[in-house]
Amino acid sequence: MPPTFDQTVTLAMTGASGAQYGLRLLQCLLASNVRVWLLMSDAAQVVINTETDLLLPEGDDETLQAFLADRFAAKEGQLTLFGKRDWFSPVASGTGAPASMVICPASGGTLSAVACGASNNLIERAADVALKERRQLILVPREAPYSEIHLENMLKLTRMGAMILPASPGFYQKPRTVEDIVDFVVARMLDQLGVEQKLLPAWGA
């Protein structure tokens, strides 16, 4: 009997710095019995190979999907990687897209494209679907400093109903490692998605 999952989340990773946030979120979602529909830009793959010890395999999407599923111990059917031109994937339509989508990390270019409805690739189209269907869309920009263009796009997206959750970790939990800092931001994303997490205790708990 095939496994059942508690919910489905679309996770998109783009070419901003901060690949660790997206990979850790992927790991936590899979560990929490969440089915993940993964979208990954070419630039995101370059950043992952540059910023982390994870060396992604060359080849087609199926090869990369199998690698990530094995790396993060995904159950059968729990992780699906869709190519940037896979217009027949469920995330490309309001009739098939899940209730929640996260873009982590979200590049400035992606912010711009989503804010203006460009839909030139599957990440942009999936975000456009989330907005038009009034579904949850969380964008995690990792940039410093922000230009006026970035700020205007974030304000525009917020007014459309999206949530801007910048990769700005707090330090009141006294992190001791880089992993602690990453987990702070990932915990905030999991909270917004309604996924139980133990990475960061609630304030006052």
N, C-alpha and C. Protein backbone atom coordinates (compact mmCIF):
# COMPACT_ATOMS: atom_id res chain seq x y z
N MET A 1 0.85 -1.19 0.00
CA MET A 1 0.00 0.00 0.00
C MET A 1 0.89 1.24 0.00
N PRO A 2 0.68 2.16 -0.95
CA PRO A 2 1.54 3.34 -1.03
C PRO A 2 1.37 4.23 0.20
N PRO A 3 2.43 4.94 0.60
CA PRO A 3 2.34 5.79 1.79
C PRO A 3 1.42 6.99 1.55
N THR A 4 0.85 7.49 2.62
CA THR A 4 0.04 8.70 2.56
C THR A 4 0.79 9.82 3.25
N PHE A 5 0.52 11.04 2.83
CA PHE A 5 1.26 12.19 3.35
C PHE A 5 0.31 13.20 3.97
N ASP A 6 0.82 13.92 4.96
CA ASP A 6 -0.02 14.84 5.72
C ASP A 6 -0.44 16.06 4.90
N GLN A 7 0.44 16.54 4.03
CA GLN A 7 0.13 17.66 3.16
C GLN A 7 1.15 17.69 2.04
N THR A 8 0.91 18.57 1.07
CA THR A 8 1.84 18.75 -0.04
C THR A 8 2.28 20.20 -0.10
N VAL A 9 3.55 20.42 -0.30
CA VAL A 9 4.12 21.76 -0.40
C VAL A 9 4.97 21.84 -1.66
N THR A 10 4.81 22.91 -2.41
CA THR A 10 5.72 23.20 -3.52
C THR A 10 6.90 23.98 -2.96
N LEU A 11 8.11 23.48 -3.18
CA LEU A 11 9.32 24.18 -2.76
C LEU A 11 10.14 24.52 -3.99
N ALA A 12 10.39 25.80 -4.17
CA ALA A 12 11.20 26.26 -5.29
C ALA A 12 12.50 26.86 -4.76
N MET A 13 13.61 26.49 -5.38
CA MET A 13 14.90 27.05 -5.02
C MET A 13 15.47 27.80 -6.22
N THR A 14 15.86 29.05 -6.00
CA THR A 14 16.42 29.86 -7.08
C THR A 14 17.87 30.21 -6.76
N GLY A 15 18.47 31.08 -7.55
CA GLY A 15 19.91 31.27 -7.51
C GLY A 15 20.45 32.26 -6.51
N ALA A 16 19.66 32.69 -5.53
CA ALA A 16 20.20 33.56 -4.48
C ALA A 16 21.11 32.76 -3.57
N SER A 17 22.01 33.45 -2.89
CA SER A 17 22.79 32.80 -1.86
C SER A 17 21.84 32.33 -0.76
N GLY A 18 22.24 31.28 -0.05
CA GLY A 18 21.38 30.76 1.00
C GLY A 18 20.78 29.41 0.66
N ALA A 19 21.49 28.64 -0.16
CA ALA A 19 21.00 27.31 -0.52
C ALA A 19 20.77 26.44 0.71
N GLN A 20 21.53 26.70 1.78
CA GLN A 20 21.39 25.90 3.00
C GLN A 20 19.97 25.98 3.57
N TYR A 21 19.35 27.14 3.44
CA TYR A 21 17.98 27.29 3.96
C TYR A 21 17.01 26.39 3.19
N GLY A 22 17.11 26.39 1.88
CA GLY A 22 16.21 25.59 1.08
C GLY A 22 16.43 24.10 1.28
N LEU A 23 17.68 23.68 1.36
CA LEU A 23 17.98 22.26 1.56
C LEU A 23 17.53 21.78 2.93
N ARG A 24 17.73 22.60 3.95
CA ARG A 24 17.29 22.23 5.30
C ARG A 24 15.76 22.18 5.38
N LEU A 25 15.10 23.11 4.69
CA LEU A 25 13.64 23.07 4.66
C LEU A 25 13.16 21.80 3.98
N LEU A 26 13.80 21.44 2.87
CA LEU A 26 13.45 20.19 2.18
C LEU A 26 13.61 19.01 3.12
N GLN A 27 14.72 18.93 3.83
CA GLN A 27 14.96 17.84 4.75
C GLN A 27 13.89 17.77 5.83
N CYS A 28 13.53 18.90 6.39
CA CYS A 28 12.55 18.93 7.48
C CYS A 28 11.15 18.58 6.98
N LEU A 29 10.79 19.04 5.82
CA LEU A 29 9.48 18.71 5.27
C LEU A 29 9.35 17.21 5.03
N LEU A 30 10.37 16.62 4.45
CA LEU A 30 10.34 15.18 4.19
C LEU A 30 10.29 14.39 5.49
N ALA A 31 11.04 14.84 6.49
CA ALA A 31 11.04 14.15 7.79
C ALA A 31 9.70 14.29 8.50
N SER A 32 8.90 15.29 8.13
CA SER A 32 7.61 15.54 8.75
C SER A 32 6.45 14.95 7.95
N ASN A 33 6.77 14.04 7.05
CA ASN A 33 5.76 13.34 6.24
C ASN A 33 4.98 14.29 5.34
N VAL A 34 5.67 15.28 4.83
CA VAL A 34 5.09 16.21 3.85
C VAL A 34 5.58 15.81 2.47
N ARG A 35 4.66 15.72 1.53
CA ARG A 35 5.06 15.48 0.15
C ARG A 35 5.56 16.79 -0.45
N VAL A 36 6.68 16.73 -1.15
CA VAL A 36 7.30 17.93 -1.69
C VAL A 36 7.38 17.84 -3.20
N TRP A 37 6.86 18.88 -3.85
CA TRP A 37 7.03 19.06 -5.28
C TRP A 37 8.12 20.12 -5.44
N LEU A 38 9.28 19.69 -5.91
CA LEU A 38 10.47 20.52 -5.92
C LEU A 38 10.72 21.13 -7.30
N LEU A 39 11.01 22.42 -7.30
CA LEU A 39 11.40 23.15 -8.50
C LEU A 39 12.76 23.76 -8.22
N MET A 40 13.70 23.58 -9.13
CA MET A 40 15.06 24.05 -8.88
C MET A 40 15.63 24.67 -10.14
N SER A 41 15.98 25.94 -10.06
CA SER A 41 16.54 26.60 -11.23
C SER A 41 17.97 26.14 -11.47
N ASP A 42 18.47 26.41 -12.68
CA ASP A 42 19.86 26.07 -13.00
C ASP A 42 20.81 26.81 -12.07
N ALA A 43 20.49 28.08 -11.81
CA ALA A 43 21.34 28.89 -10.92
C ALA A 43 21.34 28.33 -9.51
N ALA A 44 20.21 27.80 -9.06
CA ALA A 44 20.14 27.20 -7.72
C ALA A 44 21.10 26.02 -7.61
N GLN A 45 21.19 25.24 -8.66
CA GLN A 45 22.10 24.08 -8.64
C GLN A 45 23.56 24.54 -8.57
N VAL A 46 23.88 25.63 -9.26
CA VAL A 46 25.23 26.18 -9.19
C VAL A 46 25.53 26.65 -7.77
N VAL A 47 24.57 27.34 -7.15
CA VAL A 47 24.77 27.85 -5.79
C VAL A 47 24.94 26.70 -4.80
N ILE A 48 24.13 25.66 -4.94
CA ILE A 48 24.26 24.50 -4.05
C ILE A 48 25.65 23.91 -4.13
N ASN A 49 26.15 23.74 -5.35
CA ASN A 49 27.50 23.17 -5.53
C ASN A 49 28.59 24.10 -5.02
N THR A 50 28.29 25.40 -4.96
CA THR A 50 29.27 26.38 -4.52
C THR A 50 29.26 26.57 -3.01
N GLU A 51 28.07 26.60 -2.42
CA GLU A 51 27.94 26.98 -1.01
C GLU A 51 27.91 25.80 -0.04
N THR A 52 27.66 24.62 -0.55
CA THR A 52 27.50 23.47 0.34
C THR A 52 28.46 22.34 -0.05
N ASP A 53 28.48 21.32 0.78
CA ASP A 53 29.29 20.14 0.49
C ASP A 53 28.53 19.14 -0.37
N LEU A 54 27.32 19.50 -0.76
CA LEU A 54 26.49 18.62 -1.57
C LEU A 54 26.85 18.81 -3.04
N LEU A 55 27.38 17.80 -3.67
CA LEU A 55 27.74 17.87 -5.08
C LEU A 55 26.64 17.20 -5.90
N LEU A 56 25.83 18.00 -6.55
CA LEU A 56 24.70 17.47 -7.30
C LEU A 56 25.18 16.73 -8.54
N PRO A 57 24.53 15.63 -8.89
CA PRO A 57 24.96 14.86 -10.06
C PRO A 57 24.56 15.56 -11.36
N GLU A 58 25.35 15.37 -12.37
CA GLU A 58 24.97 15.86 -13.69
C GLU A 58 24.03 14.85 -14.34
N GLY A 59 23.16 15.35 -15.19
CA GLY A 59 22.21 14.46 -15.84
C GLY A 59 20.83 15.06 -15.88
N ASP A 60 19.83 14.22 -16.07
CA ASP A 60 18.47 14.72 -16.21
C ASP A 60 17.81 14.89 -14.85
N ASP A 61 16.56 15.36 -14.87
CA ASP A 61 15.83 15.62 -13.63
C ASP A 61 15.60 14.34 -12.82
N GLU A 62 15.40 13.24 -13.48
CA GLU A 62 15.17 11.98 -12.77
C GLU A 62 16.40 11.58 -11.95
N THR A 63 17.58 11.82 -12.51
CA THR A 63 18.81 11.50 -11.79
C THR A 63 18.95 12.37 -10.55
N LEU A 64 18.67 13.66 -10.71
CA LEU A 64 18.76 14.58 -9.58
C LEU A 64 17.71 14.26 -8.53
N GLN A 65 16.51 13.94 -8.97
CA GLN A 65 15.44 13.58 -8.04
C GLN A 65 15.83 12.36 -7.21
N ALA A 66 16.35 11.33 -7.87
CA ALA A 66 16.76 10.12 -7.17
C ALA A 66 17.87 10.41 -6.16
N PHE A 67 18.80 11.27 -6.54
CA PHE A 67 19.90 11.64 -5.65
C PHE A 67 19.38 12.34 -4.40
N LEU A 68 18.49 13.31 -4.58
CA LEU A 68 17.96 14.06 -3.44
C LEU A 68 17.05 13.19 -2.57
N ALA A 69 16.28 12.33 -3.20
CA ALA A 69 15.39 11.44 -2.44
C ALA A 69 16.22 10.51 -1.55
N ASP A 70 17.33 10.01 -2.09
CA ASP A 70 18.19 9.14 -1.30
C ASP A 70 18.91 9.92 -0.21
N ARG A 71 19.39 11.10 -0.55
CA ARG A 71 20.13 11.92 0.41
C ARG A 71 19.29 12.29 1.62
N PHE A 72 18.00 12.60 1.38
CA PHE A 72 17.14 13.07 2.47
C PHE A 72 16.11 12.03 2.89
N ALA A 73 16.35 10.78 2.54
CA ALA A 73 15.53 9.65 3.00
C ALA A 73 14.05 9.85 2.72
N ALA A 74 13.72 10.26 1.51
CA ALA A 74 12.32 10.43 1.13
C ALA A 74 11.64 9.08 0.94
N LYS A 75 10.38 9.01 1.31
CA LYS A 75 9.60 7.80 1.06
C LYS A 75 9.25 7.72 -0.43
N GLU A 76 8.80 6.57 -0.84
CA GLU A 76 8.39 6.40 -2.23
C GLU A 76 7.28 7.39 -2.58
N GLY A 77 7.50 8.15 -3.63
CA GLY A 77 6.50 9.10 -4.09
C GLY A 77 6.43 10.39 -3.29
N GLN A 78 7.34 10.56 -2.33
CA GLN A 78 7.26 11.75 -1.46
C GLN A 78 7.92 12.97 -2.10
N LEU A 79 8.91 12.76 -2.94
CA LEU A 79 9.63 13.87 -3.55
C LEU A 79 9.57 13.75 -5.06
N THR A 80 9.09 14.82 -5.70
CA THR A 80 9.07 14.87 -7.16
C THR A 80 9.72 16.17 -7.61
N LEU A 81 10.69 16.05 -8.50
CA LEU A 81 11.36 17.21 -9.07
C LEU A 81 10.79 17.47 -10.46
N PHE A 82 10.28 18.68 -10.66
CA PHE A 82 9.74 19.06 -11.96
C PHE A 82 10.72 19.99 -12.69
N GLY A 83 10.89 19.77 -13.98
CA GLY A 83 11.77 20.61 -14.78
C GLY A 83 11.18 21.99 -15.02
N LYS A 84 12.05 22.93 -15.40
CA LYS A 84 11.62 24.32 -15.52
C LYS A 84 10.64 24.55 -16.66
N ARG A 85 10.51 23.59 -17.59
CA ARG A 85 9.56 23.72 -18.70
C ARG A 85 8.46 22.66 -18.63
N ASP A 86 8.26 22.08 -17.47
CA ASP A 86 7.25 21.03 -17.34
C ASP A 86 5.88 21.66 -17.12
N TRP A 87 5.31 22.16 -18.20
CA TRP A 87 4.04 22.89 -18.11
C TRP A 87 2.86 21.97 -17.79
N PHE A 88 3.06 20.66 -17.86
CA PHE A 88 1.98 19.73 -17.54
C PHE A 88 2.06 19.24 -16.09
N SER A 89 2.97 19.79 -15.30
CA SER A 89 3.05 19.42 -13.89
C SER A 89 1.88 20.04 -13.13
N PRO A 90 1.48 19.44 -12.01
CA PRO A 90 0.32 19.95 -11.28
C PRO A 90 0.48 21.37 -10.78
N VAL A 91 1.72 21.80 -10.51
CA VAL A 91 1.91 23.14 -9.96
C VAL A 91 1.63 24.24 -10.98
N ALA A 92 1.52 23.87 -12.25
CA ALA A 92 1.30 24.85 -13.31
C ALA A 92 -0.16 25.23 -13.47
N SER A 93 -1.04 24.60 -12.70
CA SER A 93 -2.47 24.86 -12.85
C SER A 93 -3.14 24.99 -11.49
N GLY A 94 -4.11 25.85 -11.42
CA GLY A 94 -4.86 26.02 -10.19
C GLY A 94 -5.64 24.79 -9.79
N THR A 95 -5.88 23.89 -10.73
CA THR A 95 -6.62 22.68 -10.41
C THR A 95 -5.74 21.61 -9.76
N GLY A 96 -4.42 21.79 -9.85
CA GLY A 96 -3.52 20.76 -9.34
C GLY A 96 -2.54 21.24 -8.29
N ALA A 97 -2.32 22.54 -8.19
CA ALA A 97 -1.31 23.06 -7.27
C ALA A 97 -1.74 22.88 -5.82
N PRO A 98 -0.77 22.63 -4.93
CA PRO A 98 -1.11 22.47 -3.51
C PRO A 98 -1.44 23.80 -2.85
N ALA A 99 -1.80 23.72 -1.57
CA ALA A 99 -2.25 24.91 -0.86
C ALA A 99 -1.11 25.85 -0.51
N SER A 100 0.13 25.36 -0.51
CA SER A 100 1.26 26.18 -0.06
C SER A 100 2.44 26.06 -1.00
N MET A 101 3.13 27.18 -1.18
CA MET A 101 4.36 27.22 -1.97
C MET A 101 5.36 28.09 -1.25
N VAL A 102 6.61 27.64 -1.25
CA VAL A 102 7.72 28.42 -0.67
C VAL A 102 8.80 28.57 -1.74
N ILE A 103 9.29 29.78 -1.90
CA ILE A 103 10.46 30.02 -2.76
C ILE A 103 11.61 30.37 -1.83
N CYS A 104 12.57 29.45 -1.70
CA CYS A 104 13.64 29.60 -0.72
C CYS A 104 14.93 28.96 -1.25
N PRO A 105 15.96 29.76 -1.48
CA PRO A 105 15.97 31.21 -1.39
C PRO A 105 15.34 31.82 -2.64
N ALA A 106 14.87 33.05 -2.48
CA ALA A 106 14.25 33.77 -3.59
C ALA A 106 15.19 34.87 -4.06
N SER A 107 15.64 34.78 -5.28
CA SER A 107 16.54 35.80 -5.84
C SER A 107 15.77 37.08 -6.14
N GLY A 108 16.52 38.17 -6.32
CA GLY A 108 15.89 39.43 -6.69
C GLY A 108 15.19 39.33 -8.03
N GLY A 109 15.77 38.57 -8.95
CA GLY A 109 15.14 38.38 -10.25
C GLY A 109 13.82 37.64 -10.14
N THR A 110 13.77 36.65 -9.24
CA THR A 110 12.53 35.92 -9.04
C THR A 110 11.47 36.80 -8.41
N LEU A 111 11.86 37.61 -7.42
CA LEU A 111 10.92 38.56 -6.83
C LEU A 111 10.29 39.43 -7.91
N SER A 112 11.13 39.93 -8.80
CA SER A 112 10.66 40.81 -9.87
C SER A 112 9.71 40.08 -10.80
N ALA A 113 10.11 38.87 -11.23
CA ALA A 113 9.31 38.12 -12.18
C ALA A 113 7.94 37.75 -11.60
N VAL A 114 7.93 37.32 -10.34
CA VAL A 114 6.66 36.95 -9.71
C VAL A 114 5.79 38.18 -9.50
N ALA A 115 6.40 39.29 -9.13
CA ALA A 115 5.64 40.51 -8.87
C ALA A 115 4.93 41.03 -10.13
N CYS A 116 5.53 40.78 -11.29
CA CYS A 116 4.93 41.27 -12.53
C CYS A 116 4.24 40.17 -13.33
N GLY A 117 4.21 38.94 -12.79
CA GLY A 117 3.50 37.86 -13.46
C GLY A 117 4.17 37.37 -14.72
N ALA A 118 5.50 37.32 -14.75
CA ALA A 118 6.21 36.98 -15.97
C ALA A 118 5.91 35.56 -16.45
N SER A 119 5.96 34.59 -15.55
CA SER A 119 5.67 33.18 -15.87
C SER A 119 6.50 32.64 -17.02
N ASN A 120 7.79 32.96 -17.03
CA ASN A 120 8.67 32.48 -18.09
C ASN A 120 9.23 31.09 -17.83
N ASN A 121 9.09 30.60 -16.61
CA ASN A 121 9.51 29.23 -16.28
C ASN A 121 8.54 28.67 -15.26
N LEU A 122 8.73 27.44 -14.86
CA LEU A 122 7.76 26.79 -14.00
C LEU A 122 7.72 27.40 -12.60
N ILE A 123 8.86 27.86 -12.09
CA ILE A 123 8.85 28.50 -10.77
C ILE A 123 7.96 29.74 -10.80
N GLU A 124 8.15 30.57 -11.81
CA GLU A 124 7.35 31.79 -11.91
C GLU A 124 5.88 31.47 -12.14
N ARG A 125 5.60 30.47 -12.96
CA ARG A 125 4.21 30.09 -13.22
C ARG A 125 3.55 29.53 -11.96
N ALA A 126 4.26 28.69 -11.22
CA ALA A 126 3.69 28.13 -10.00
C ALA A 126 3.38 29.22 -8.98
N ALA A 127 4.26 30.22 -8.88
CA ALA A 127 4.00 31.34 -7.98
C ALA A 127 2.80 32.15 -8.46
N ASP A 128 2.70 32.34 -9.77
CA ASP A 128 1.56 33.05 -10.34
C ASP A 128 0.26 32.32 -10.03
N VAL A 129 0.30 31.00 -10.12
CA VAL A 129 -0.89 30.19 -9.78
C VAL A 129 -1.26 30.39 -8.32
N ALA A 130 -0.26 30.35 -7.42
CA ALA A 130 -0.53 30.52 -6.00
C ALA A 130 -1.20 31.87 -5.73
N LEU A 131 -0.73 32.91 -6.40
CA LEU A 131 -1.31 34.24 -6.20
C LEU A 131 -2.73 34.32 -6.74
N LYS A 132 -2.93 33.83 -7.96
CA LYS A 132 -4.26 33.97 -8.56
C LYS A 132 -5.31 33.12 -7.87
N GLU A 133 -4.88 32.00 -7.27
CA GLU A 133 -5.80 31.12 -6.57
C GLU A 133 -5.92 31.49 -5.09
N ARG A 134 -5.23 32.57 -4.67
CA ARG A 134 -5.26 33.04 -3.29
C ARG A 134 -4.77 31.96 -2.31
N ARG A 135 -3.69 31.29 -2.72
CA ARG A 135 -3.10 30.27 -1.87
C ARG A 135 -1.84 30.82 -1.19
N GLN A 136 -1.33 30.08 -0.25
CA GLN A 136 -0.18 30.54 0.52
C GLN A 136 1.08 30.55 -0.34
N LEU A 137 1.72 31.72 -0.38
CA LEU A 137 2.99 31.87 -1.09
C LEU A 137 3.96 32.58 -0.17
N ILE A 138 5.06 31.92 0.14
CA ILE A 138 6.10 32.47 1.01
C ILE A 138 7.37 32.63 0.19
N LEU A 139 7.93 33.82 0.21
CA LEU A 139 9.19 34.08 -0.48
C LEU A 139 10.25 34.43 0.54
N VAL A 140 11.42 33.83 0.41
CA VAL A 140 12.51 34.00 1.37
C VAL A 140 13.70 34.65 0.67
N PRO A 141 13.71 35.97 0.59
CA PRO A 141 14.84 36.64 -0.07
C PRO A 141 16.08 36.61 0.81
N ARG A 142 17.24 36.51 0.18
CA ARG A 142 18.52 36.54 0.89
C ARG A 142 19.41 37.49 0.10
N GLU A 143 19.33 38.75 0.46
CA GLU A 143 20.07 39.79 -0.25
C GLU A 143 20.43 40.88 0.75
N ALA A 144 21.51 41.58 0.51
CA ALA A 144 21.87 42.70 1.37
C ALA A 144 22.85 43.60 0.63
N PRO A 145 22.59 44.89 0.59
CA PRO A 145 21.37 45.55 1.04
C PRO A 145 20.26 45.38 0.00
N TYR A 146 19.04 45.75 0.36
CA TYR A 146 17.93 45.75 -0.59
C TYR A 146 17.93 47.05 -1.36
N SER A 147 17.72 46.95 -2.66
CA SER A 147 17.56 48.15 -3.47
C SER A 147 16.11 48.60 -3.41
N GLU A 148 15.84 49.78 -3.92
CA GLU A 148 14.45 50.25 -3.98
C GLU A 148 13.60 49.31 -4.83
N ILE A 149 14.20 48.73 -5.87
CA ILE A 149 13.46 47.78 -6.71
C ILE A 149 13.05 46.56 -5.90
N HIS A 150 13.99 46.00 -5.11
CA HIS A 150 13.67 44.85 -4.27
C HIS A 150 12.53 45.19 -3.31
N LEU A 151 12.63 46.33 -2.66
CA LEU A 151 11.64 46.73 -1.66
C LEU A 151 10.28 46.96 -2.30
N GLU A 152 10.27 47.58 -3.47
CA GLU A 152 9.00 47.80 -4.16
C GLU A 152 8.36 46.47 -4.55
N ASN A 153 9.17 45.53 -5.02
CA ASN A 153 8.63 44.22 -5.41
C ASN A 153 8.11 43.46 -4.20
N MET A 154 8.80 43.54 -3.08
CA MET A 154 8.34 42.87 -1.87
C MET A 154 7.04 43.48 -1.36
N LEU A 155 6.94 44.81 -1.42
CA LEU A 155 5.70 45.46 -1.01
C LEU A 155 4.56 45.07 -1.93
N LYS A 156 4.84 45.05 -3.22
CA LYS A 156 3.82 44.66 -4.20
C LYS A 156 3.32 43.24 -3.94
N LEU A 157 4.24 42.33 -3.70
CA LEU A 157 3.87 40.94 -3.45
C LEU A 157 3.10 40.80 -2.14
N THR A 158 3.51 41.54 -1.12
CA THR A 158 2.79 41.50 0.15
C THR A 158 1.35 41.96 -0.04
N ARG A 159 1.16 43.00 -0.82
CA ARG A 159 -0.20 43.50 -1.07
C ARG A 159 -1.02 42.51 -1.87
N MET A 160 -0.36 41.64 -2.64
CA MET A 160 -1.07 40.59 -3.39
C MET A 160 -1.47 39.41 -2.50
N GLY A 161 -0.93 39.38 -1.28
CA GLY A 161 -1.25 38.27 -0.38
C GLY A 161 -0.10 37.34 -0.09
N ALA A 162 1.04 37.55 -0.75
CA ALA A 162 2.22 36.72 -0.47
C ALA A 162 2.85 37.14 0.85
N MET A 163 3.65 36.26 1.41
CA MET A 163 4.40 36.59 2.62
C MET A 163 5.88 36.69 2.29
N ILE A 164 6.49 37.77 2.73
CA ILE A 164 7.94 37.94 2.60
C ILE A 164 8.56 37.57 3.94
N LEU A 165 9.34 36.50 3.93
CA LEU A 165 9.99 36.02 5.15
C LEU A 165 11.49 36.02 4.88
N PRO A 166 12.15 37.14 5.12
CA PRO A 166 13.56 37.24 4.77
C PRO A 166 14.43 36.30 5.59
N ALA A 167 15.53 35.89 5.01
CA ALA A 167 16.48 35.03 5.73
C ALA A 167 17.29 35.90 6.69
N SER A 168 16.60 36.33 7.75
CA SER A 168 17.20 37.21 8.75
C SER A 168 17.12 36.53 10.10
N PRO A 169 18.08 35.71 10.44
CA PRO A 169 18.01 34.94 11.69
C PRO A 169 18.14 35.83 12.91
N GLY A 170 17.42 35.45 13.97
CA GLY A 170 17.58 36.12 15.25
C GLY A 170 18.69 35.44 16.05
N PHE A 171 19.10 36.09 17.12
CA PHE A 171 20.19 35.56 17.92
C PHE A 171 19.85 35.45 19.40
N TYR A 172 18.56 35.63 19.72
CA TYR A 172 18.18 35.53 21.13
C TYR A 172 18.22 34.09 21.63
N GLN A 173 18.27 33.12 20.71
CA GLN A 173 18.41 31.72 21.12
C GLN A 173 19.88 31.32 21.32
N LYS A 174 20.77 32.29 21.15
CA LYS A 174 22.21 32.08 21.33
C LYS A 174 22.73 30.91 20.49
N PRO A 175 22.64 31.04 19.16
CA PRO A 175 23.12 29.96 18.29
C PRO A 175 24.62 29.75 18.45
N ARG A 176 25.01 28.49 18.33
CA ARG A 176 26.42 28.14 18.48
C ARG A 176 27.05 27.68 17.17
N THR A 177 26.22 27.34 16.20
CA THR A 177 26.75 26.84 14.93
C THR A 177 26.00 27.49 13.77
N VAL A 178 26.56 27.33 12.58
CA VAL A 178 25.87 27.80 11.38
C VAL A 178 24.53 27.08 11.24
N GLU A 179 24.51 25.81 11.59
CA GLU A 179 23.26 25.04 11.50
C GLU A 179 22.18 25.62 12.40
N ASP A 180 22.55 26.11 13.57
CA ASP A 180 21.58 26.75 14.46
C ASP A 180 20.99 27.99 13.82
N ILE A 181 21.81 28.75 13.13
CA ILE A 181 21.36 29.98 12.47
C ILE A 181 20.40 29.63 11.33
N VAL A 182 20.75 28.63 10.54
CA VAL A 182 19.88 28.18 9.46
C VAL A 182 18.55 27.68 10.02
N ASP A 183 18.61 26.91 11.10
CA ASP A 183 17.39 26.34 11.67
C ASP A 183 16.43 27.41 12.18
N PHE A 184 16.95 28.54 12.62
CA PHE A 184 16.08 29.63 13.08
C PHE A 184 15.13 30.05 11.96
N VAL A 185 15.69 30.27 10.78
CA VAL A 185 14.87 30.72 9.65
C VAL A 185 13.95 29.60 9.16
N VAL A 186 14.48 28.38 9.10
CA VAL A 186 13.67 27.26 8.65
C VAL A 186 12.50 27.02 9.60
N ALA A 187 12.73 27.17 10.88
CA ALA A 187 11.65 27.01 11.86
C ALA A 187 10.52 27.99 11.61
N ARG A 188 10.86 29.22 11.26
CA ARG A 188 9.83 30.22 10.98
C ARG A 188 9.00 29.84 9.75
N MET A 189 9.67 29.25 8.75
CA MET A 189 8.94 28.79 7.57
C MET A 189 8.01 27.63 7.92
N LEU A 190 8.51 26.69 8.70
CA LEU A 190 7.68 25.54 9.09
C LEU A 190 6.47 26.00 9.90
N ASP A 191 6.67 26.98 10.77
CA ASP A 191 5.55 27.51 11.54
C ASP A 191 4.48 28.08 10.61
N GLN A 192 4.90 28.83 9.62
CA GLN A 192 3.94 29.42 8.69
C GLN A 192 3.22 28.36 7.87
N LEU A 193 3.89 27.26 7.59
CA LEU A 193 3.29 26.18 6.82
C LEU A 193 2.40 25.27 7.68
N GLY A 194 2.42 25.49 8.98
CA GLY A 194 1.64 24.64 9.87
C GLY A 194 2.24 23.27 10.08
N VAL A 195 3.55 23.17 9.88
CA VAL A 195 4.26 21.90 10.07
C VAL A 195 4.93 21.93 11.44
N GLU A 196 4.62 20.96 12.26
CA GLU A 196 5.19 20.91 13.61
C GLU A 196 6.71 20.85 13.54
N GLN A 197 7.36 21.65 14.37
CA GLN A 197 8.82 21.66 14.37
C GLN A 197 9.35 21.81 15.78
N LYS A 198 10.56 21.28 15.98
CA LYS A 198 11.22 21.39 17.27
C LYS A 198 12.58 22.07 17.14
N LEU A 199 12.75 22.77 16.03
CA LEU A 199 14.03 23.46 15.79
C LEU A 199 14.16 24.70 16.65
N LEU A 200 13.03 25.35 16.94
CA LEU A 200 13.03 26.63 17.64
C LEU A 200 11.84 26.67 18.57
N PRO A 201 12.07 26.77 19.88
CA PRO A 201 10.94 26.82 20.81
C PRO A 201 10.15 28.12 20.66
N ALA A 202 8.87 28.06 20.93
CA ALA A 202 8.04 29.24 20.88
C ALA A 202 8.51 30.25 21.94
N TRP A 203 8.34 31.51 21.63
CA TRP A 203 8.76 32.55 22.55
C TRP A 203 8.03 32.40 23.89
N GLY A 204 8.78 32.39 24.98
CA GLY A 204 8.18 32.26 26.29
C GLY A 204 7.94 30.84 26.74
N ALA A 205 8.20 29.88 25.83
CA ALA A 205 7.93 28.48 26.19
C ALA A 205 9.03 27.91 27.07
